[in-house]
C-alpha atoms as a PDB file:
ATOM      1  CA  MET A   1      23.610  81.331 154.635  1.00  0.00           C
ATOM      2  CA  GLN A   2      26.514  82.548 156.755  1.00  0.00           C
ATOM      3  CA  LEU A   3      26.412  82.116 160.488  1.00  0.00           C
ATOM      4  CA  PRO A   4      27.092  85.177 162.620  1.00  0.00           C
ATOM      5  CA  THR A   5      30.595  85.195 164.092  1.00  0.00           C
ATOM      6  CA  TRP A   6      32.535  87.183 166.656  1.00  0.00           C
ATOM      7  CA  TYR A   7      36.282  87.467 167.099  1.00  0.00           C
ATOM      8  CA  GLN A   8      38.540  89.104 169.657  1.00  0.00           C
ATOM      9  CA  ILE A   9      41.885  90.363 168.367  1.00  0.00           C
ATOM     10  CA  SER A  10      44.811  90.338 170.805  1.00  0.00           C
ATOM     11  CA  GLU A  11      46.999  93.251 169.753  1.00  0.00           C
ATOM     12  CA  ASN A  12      50.095  92.031 171.638  1.00  0.00           C
ATOM     13  CA  ASP A  13      49.786  88.366 170.681  1.00  0.00           C
ATOM     14  CA  ARG A  14      53.090  86.804 169.636  1.00  0.00           C
ATOM     15  CA  MET A  15      51.612  83.339 168.980  1.00  0.00           C
ATOM     16  CA  ILE A  16      49.053  84.421 166.371  1.00  0.00           C
ATOM     17  CA  LEU A  17      50.049  87.770 164.950  1.00  0.00           C
ATOM     18  CA  PRO A  18      47.360  90.478 165.114  1.00  0.00           C
ATOM     19  CA  ASP A  19      47.397  90.944 161.322  1.00  0.00           C
ATOM     20  CA  VAL A  20      46.680  87.225 160.893  1.00  0.00           C
ATOM     21  CA  GLN A  21      43.824  87.540 163.380  1.00  0.00           C
ATOM     22  CA  ARG A  22      42.413  90.563 161.523  1.00  0.00           C
ATOM     23  CA  ASN A  23      42.572  88.699 158.196  1.00  0.00           C
ATOM     24  CA  LEU A  24      40.800  85.696 159.696  1.00  0.00           C
ATOM     25  CA  ALA A  25      38.108  87.901 161.235  1.00  0.00           C
ATOM     26  CA  LYS A  26      37.642  89.646 157.887  1.00  0.00           C
ATOM     27  CA  GLN A  27      37.275  86.322 156.059  1.00  0.00           C
ATOM     28  CA  LEU A  28      34.675  85.282 158.615  1.00  0.00           C
ATOM     29  CA  ASP A  29      32.953  88.665 158.333  1.00  0.00           C
ATOM     30  CA  ALA A  30      33.119  88.659 162.125  1.00  0.00           C
ATOM     31  CA  THR A  31      32.065  91.305 164.576  1.00  0.00           C
ATOM     32  CA  THR A  32      35.338  92.096 166.319  1.00  0.00           C
ATOM     33  CA  ILE A  33      36.774  93.714 169.385  1.00  0.00           C
ATOM     34  CA  SER A  34      40.433  94.532 169.816  1.00  0.00           C
ATOM     35  CA  LEU A  35      42.225  94.291 173.151  1.00  0.00           C
ATOM     36  CA  GLU A  36      45.708  95.374 174.193  1.00  0.00           C
ATOM     37  CA  SER A  37      46.537  91.885 175.401  1.00  0.00           C
ATOM     38  CA  SER A  38      48.772  88.935 174.815  1.00  0.00           C
ATOM     39  CA  HIS A  39      47.627  85.509 173.661  1.00  0.00           C
ATOM     40  CA  ALA A  40      46.043  84.946 177.099  1.00  0.00           C
ATOM     41  CA  SER A  41      43.311  87.568 176.730  1.00  0.00           C
ATOM     42  CA  LEU A  42      40.799  85.352 178.550  1.00  0.00           C
ATOM     43  CA  VAL A  43      42.935  85.701 181.663  1.00  0.00           C
ATOM     44  CA  SER A  44      43.996  89.326 181.348  1.00  0.00           C
ATOM     45  CA  HIS A  45      40.650  90.765 180.138  1.00  0.00           C
ATOM     46  CA  PRO A  46      37.908  88.467 181.471  1.00  0.00           C
ATOM     47  CA  ASN A  47      35.229  91.165 181.661  1.00  0.00           C
ATOM     48  CA  GLU A  48      35.725  92.253 178.060  1.00  0.00           C
ATOM     49  CA  ILE A  49      35.653  88.641 176.857  1.00  0.00           C
ATOM     50  CA  ALA A  50      32.531  87.920 178.913  1.00  0.00           C
ATOM     51  CA  LYS A  51      30.836  90.998 177.419  1.00  0.00           C
ATOM     52  CA  LEU A  52      31.744  89.846 173.889  1.00  0.00           C
ATOM     53  CA  ILE A  53      30.200  86.439 174.587  1.00  0.00           C
ATOM     54  CA  LEU A  54      27.085  87.944 176.167  1.00  0.00           C
ATOM     55  CA  ASP A  55      26.678  90.396 173.275  1.00  0.00           C
ATOM     56  CA  ALA A  56      26.966  87.508 170.804  1.00  0.00           C
ATOM     57  CA  ALA A  57      24.401  85.477 172.737  1.00  0.00           C
ATOM     58  CA  LYS A  58      22.047  88.446 172.891  1.00  0.00           C
ATOM     59  CA  GLU A  59      22.335  89.096 169.160  1.00  0.00           C
ATOM     60  CA  CYS A  60      21.767  85.424 168.346  1.00  0.00           C
ATOM     61  CA  SER A  61      18.658  85.267 170.507  1.00  0.00           C
ATOM     62  CA  ALA A  62      17.278  88.697 169.543  1.00  0.00           C
ATOM     63  CA  GLY A  63      13.727  88.639 168.338  1.00  0.00           C
ATOM     64  CA  ASN A  64      12.988  85.236 169.788  1.00  0.00           C
ATOM     65  CA  GLY A  65      11.454  86.639 172.961  1.00  0.00           C
ATOM     66  CA  ASN A  66      12.688  83.602 174.794  1.00  0.00           C
ATOM     67  CA  LYS A  67      13.857  83.180 178.353  1.00  0.00           C
ATOM     68  CA  SER A  68      17.558  83.108 177.435  1.00  0.00           C
ATOM     69  CA  ASP A  69      17.235  86.564 175.873  1.00  0.00           C
ATOM     70  CA  ARG A  70      15.794  87.967 179.101  1.00  0.00           C
ATOM     71  CA  GLN A  71      18.531  86.260 181.136  1.00  0.00           C
ATOM     72  CA  THR A  72      21.214  87.714 178.875  1.00  0.00           C
ATOM     73  CA  ASP A  73      19.702  91.201 179.256  1.00  0.00           C
ATOM     74  CA  LYS A  74      19.737  90.760 183.033  1.00  0.00           C
ATOM     75  CA  MET A  75      23.399  89.669 183.063  1.00  0.00           C
ATOM     76  CA  ILE A  76      24.442  92.572 180.866  1.00  0.00           C
ATOM     77  CA  SER A  77      22.488  95.098 182.927  1.00  0.00           C
ATOM     78  CA  GLN A  78      24.113  93.796 186.116  1.00  0.00           C
ATOM     79  CA  ASN A  79      27.566  94.215 184.533  1.00  0.00           C
ATOM     80  CA  ILE A  80      28.728  90.847 185.795  1.00  0.00           C
ATOM     81  CA  GLN A  81      32.259  90.949 187.188  1.00  0.00           C
ATOM     82  CA  ILE A  82      34.396  87.832 186.932  1.00  0.00           C
END
């Protein structure tokens, strides 16, 4: 069984080249997003990174009908700004 994975590719990263990131994401069979950012995408694109994390959490909790799923829906619907 493979665990679900997510990966954000930084298209302007000079530490880990984007092609290396794409290959890694492919090997992981990851759901990916691509951002026009440097290696510090958490700083330059916090909203996009937060959405990726929330989407991953929502997908992992989907179908459970638990409280965390409802909280994730609420956060996404409020379009939390960091």
